[in-house]
Amino acid sequence: MFKKADPAATWTVFICSIWPMILNTAQGVQRVPQDYMNVARVLNLSEWKIITKILFPSVLPYMLTGIRLSIGTAWLVIVAAEMLTGGVGIGFWVWDEWNNLRSSTSSSPSS
């Protein structure tokens, strides 16, 4: 049905996995203590110094949590995309086995 499904699968994985990273980073920026920003204003720090010395170290734990969640989401979506697009991968293998009703264990009664 879809001649070129790989770009659609890549786009789906990207769209599904980017949100935890964005939302956690935004939450980290909101939770930077106001005292830090007040000190930066009093010291008249440049924007670059504020970003590198205050924001980035404060937001880094939230960013890493977002990346961790995004990687987990991406793995789930990759398997689902492989089931839909076919080709290779664990998702395709599971879907192919299900469709062909193959089972690796023999459950036939012994005679």
C-alpha atoms as a PDB file:
ATOM      1  CA  MET A   1       0.000   0.000   0.000  1.00  0.00           C
ATOM      2  CA  PHE A   2       2.719   2.452   0.970  1.00  0.00           C
ATOM      3  CA  LYS A   3       5.558   2.441  -1.529  1.00  0.00           C
ATOM      4  CA  LYS A   4       7.944   4.372   0.664  1.00  0.00           C
ATOM      5  CA  ALA A   5       7.003   3.689   4.274  1.00  0.00           C
ATOM      6  CA  ASP A   6      10.439   4.284   5.838  1.00  0.00           C
ATOM      7  CA  PRO A   7      10.150   8.112   5.959  1.00  0.00           C
ATOM      8  CA  ALA A   8       6.678   7.804   7.480  1.00  0.00           C
ATOM      9  CA  ALA A   9       7.970   5.404  10.132  1.00  0.00           C
ATOM     10  CA  THR A  10      10.907   7.695  10.932  1.00  0.00           C
ATOM     11  CA  TRP A  11       8.606  10.690  11.173  1.00  0.00           C
ATOM     12  CA  THR A  12       6.241   8.776  13.459  1.00  0.00           C
ATOM     13  CA  VAL A  13       9.064   7.752  15.781  1.00  0.00           C
ATOM     14  CA  PHE A  14      10.344  11.347  15.879  1.00  0.00           C
ATOM     15  CA  ILE A  15       6.948  12.914  16.572  1.00  0.00           C
ATOM     16  CA  CYS A  16       6.073  10.413  19.287  1.00  0.00           C
ATOM     17  CA  SER A  17       9.405  10.580  21.095  1.00  0.00           C
ATOM     18  CA  ILE A  18      10.170  14.323  20.991  1.00  0.00           C
ATOM     19  CA  TRP A  19       7.391  15.345  23.399  1.00  0.00           C
ATOM     20  CA  PRO A  20       8.778  13.916  26.655  1.00  0.00           C
ATOM     21  CA  MET A  21      12.046  15.724  25.984  1.00  0.00           C
ATOM     22  CA  ILE A  22      10.350  19.056  25.216  1.00  0.00           C
ATOM     23  CA  LEU A  23       7.975  18.885  28.155  1.00  0.00           C
ATOM     24  CA  ASN A  24      10.668  17.903  30.670  1.00  0.00           C
ATOM     25  CA  THR A  25      12.998  20.642  29.436  1.00  0.00           C
ATOM     26  CA  ALA A  26      10.220  23.229  29.743  1.00  0.00           C
ATOM     27  CA  GLN A  27       9.469  21.997  33.257  1.00  0.00           C
ATOM     28  CA  GLY A  28      13.164  22.306  34.128  1.00  0.00           C
ATOM     29  CA  VAL A  29      13.297  25.893  32.893  1.00  0.00           C
ATOM     30  CA  GLN A  30      10.212  26.762  34.952  1.00  0.00           C
ATOM     31  CA  ARG A  31      11.808  25.290  38.074  1.00  0.00           C
ATOM     32  CA  VAL A  32      14.997  27.350  37.941  1.00  0.00           C
ATOM     33  CA  PRO A  33      15.020  29.190  41.278  1.00  0.00           C
ATOM     34  CA  GLN A  34      14.120  32.853  40.928  1.00  0.00           C
ATOM     35  CA  ASP A  35      17.006  33.714  43.267  1.00  0.00           C
ATOM     36  CA  TYR A  36      19.466  32.520  40.610  1.00  0.00           C
ATOM     37  CA  MET A  37      17.935  34.835  38.037  1.00  0.00           C
ATOM     38  CA  ASN A  38      17.936  37.732  40.524  1.00  0.00           C
ATOM     39  CA  VAL A  39      21.634  37.219  41.222  1.00  0.00           C
ATOM     40  CA  ALA A  40      22.333  37.141  37.473  1.00  0.00           C
ATOM     41  CA  ARG A  41      20.465  40.432  37.073  1.00  0.00           C
ATOM     42  CA  VAL A  42      22.368  42.045  39.987  1.00  0.00           C
ATOM     43  CA  LEU A  43      25.706  40.858  38.589  1.00  0.00           C
ATOM     44  CA  ASN A  44      24.654  42.092  35.120  1.00  0.00           C
ATOM     45  CA  LEU A  45      25.576  38.794  33.453  1.00  0.00           C
ATOM     46  CA  SER A  46      25.308  38.440  29.693  1.00  0.00           C
ATOM     47  CA  GLU A  47      22.698  36.145  28.185  1.00  0.00           C
ATOM     48  CA  TRP A  48      25.409  33.645  27.284  1.00  0.00           C
ATOM     49  CA  LYS A  49      26.644  33.515  30.888  1.00  0.00           C
ATOM     50  CA  ILE A  50      23.089  33.122  32.179  1.00  0.00           C
ATOM     51  CA  ILE A  51      22.488  30.210  29.813  1.00  0.00           C
ATOM     52  CA  THR A  52      25.801  28.447  30.392  1.00  0.00           C
ATOM     53  CA  LYS A  53      26.293  29.107  34.125  1.00  0.00           C
ATOM     54  CA  ILE A  54      22.719  29.131  35.468  1.00  0.00           C
ATOM     55  CA  LEU A  55      20.104  27.678  33.118  1.00  0.00           C
ATOM     56  CA  PHE A  56      21.989  24.739  31.611  1.00  0.00           C
ATOM     57  CA  PRO A  57      23.226  23.263  34.930  1.00  0.00           C
ATOM     58  CA  SER A  58      19.777  23.718  36.487  1.00  0.00           C
ATOM     59  CA  VAL A  59      17.889  22.219  33.541  1.00  0.00           C
ATOM     60  CA  LEU A  60      20.291  19.345  32.774  1.00  0.00           C
ATOM     61  CA  PRO A  61      18.680  16.753  35.114  1.00  0.00           C
ATOM     62  CA  TYR A  62      15.265  17.454  33.563  1.00  0.00           C
ATOM     63  CA  MET A  63      16.704  17.217  30.059  1.00  0.00           C
ATOM     64  CA  LEU A  64      18.342  13.873  30.804  1.00  0.00           C
ATOM     65  CA  THR A  65      15.091  12.521  32.240  1.00  0.00           C
ATOM     66  CA  GLY A  66      13.290  13.668  29.082  1.00  0.00           C
ATOM     67  CA  ILE A  67      15.891  11.972  26.901  1.00  0.00           C
ATOM     68  CA  ARG A  68      15.536   8.746  28.899  1.00  0.00           C
ATOM     69  CA  LEU A  69      11.754   8.791  28.495  1.00  0.00           C
ATOM     70  CA  SER A  70      12.074   9.663  24.800  1.00  0.00           C
ATOM     71  CA  ILE A  71      14.362   6.700  24.162  1.00  0.00           C
ATOM     72  CA  GLY A  72      11.868   4.358  25.820  1.00  0.00           C
ATOM     73  CA  THR A  73       9.017   5.806  23.793  1.00  0.00           C
ATOM     74  CA  ALA A  74      11.054   5.574  20.607  1.00  0.00           C
ATOM     75  CA  TRP A  75      11.690   1.843  21.160  1.00  0.00           C
ATOM     76  CA  LEU A  76       7.979   1.186  21.582  1.00  0.00           C
ATOM     77  CA  VAL A  77       7.078   3.187  18.482  1.00  0.00           C
ATOM     78  CA  ILE A  78       9.848   1.562  16.407  1.00  0.00           C
ATOM     79  CA  VAL A  79       8.367  -1.883  17.083  1.00  0.00           C
ATOM     80  CA  ALA A  80       4.872  -0.640  16.214  1.00  0.00           C
ATOM     81  CA  ALA A  81       6.138   1.069  13.041  1.00  0.00           C
ATOM     82  CA  GLU A  82       7.913  -2.114  11.973  1.00  0.00           C
ATOM     83  CA  MET A  83       4.661  -4.008  12.405  1.00  0.00           C
ATOM     84  CA  LEU A  84       2.895  -1.586  10.093  1.00  0.00           C
ATOM     85  CA  THR A  85       5.561  -1.005   7.438  1.00  0.00           C
ATOM     86  CA  GLY A  86       6.985  -4.514   7.165  1.00  0.00           C
ATOM     87  CA  GLY A  87      10.555  -5.175   6.226  1.00  0.00           C
ATOM     88  CA  VAL A  88      12.970  -6.169   8.967  1.00  0.00           C
ATOM     89  CA  GLY A  89      13.087  -5.888  12.725  1.00  0.00           C
ATOM     90  CA  ILE A  90      11.514  -7.354  15.818  1.00  0.00           C
ATOM     91  CA  GLY A  91       8.152  -5.725  15.128  1.00  0.00           C
ATOM     92  CA  PHE A  92       7.942  -7.236  11.663  1.00  0.00           C
ATOM     93  CA  TRP A  93       9.021 -10.632  12.975  1.00  0.00           C
ATOM     94  CA  VAL A  94       6.378 -10.647  15.737  1.00  0.00           C
ATOM     95  CA  TRP A  95       3.648  -9.527  13.321  1.00  0.00           C
ATOM     96  CA  ASP A  96       4.695 -12.071  10.704  1.00  0.00           C
ATOM     97  CA  GLU A  97       4.655 -14.890  13.263  1.00  0.00           C
ATOM     98  CA  TRP A  98       1.234 -13.798  14.497  1.00  0.00           C
ATOM     99  CA  ASN A  99      -0.214 -13.631  10.980  1.00  0.00           C
ATOM    100  CA  ASN A 100       1.140 -17.049  10.062  1.00  0.00           C
ATOM    101  CA  LEU A 101       0.004 -18.565  13.372  1.00  0.00           C
ATOM    102  CA  ARG A 102       3.419 -20.038  13.937  1.00  0.00           C
ATOM    103  CA  SER A 103       4.544 -20.980  17.380  1.00  0.00           C
ATOM    104  CA  SER A 104       8.035 -21.973  18.437  1.00  0.00           C
ATOM    105  CA  THR A 105       6.745 -24.399  21.066  1.00  0.00           C
ATOM    106  CA  SER A 106       5.033 -27.588  20.045  1.00  0.00           C
ATOM    107  CA  SER A 107       1.886 -28.048  22.051  1.00  0.00           C
ATOM    108  CA  SER A 108       0.556 -31.087  20.223  1.00  0.00           C
ATOM    109  CA  PRO A 109      -0.587 -33.928  22.489  1.00  0.00           C
ATOM    110  CA  SER A 110       1.662 -36.926  22.536  1.00  0.00           C
ATOM    111  CA  SER A 111       0.266 -40.130  21.094  1.00  0.00           C
END
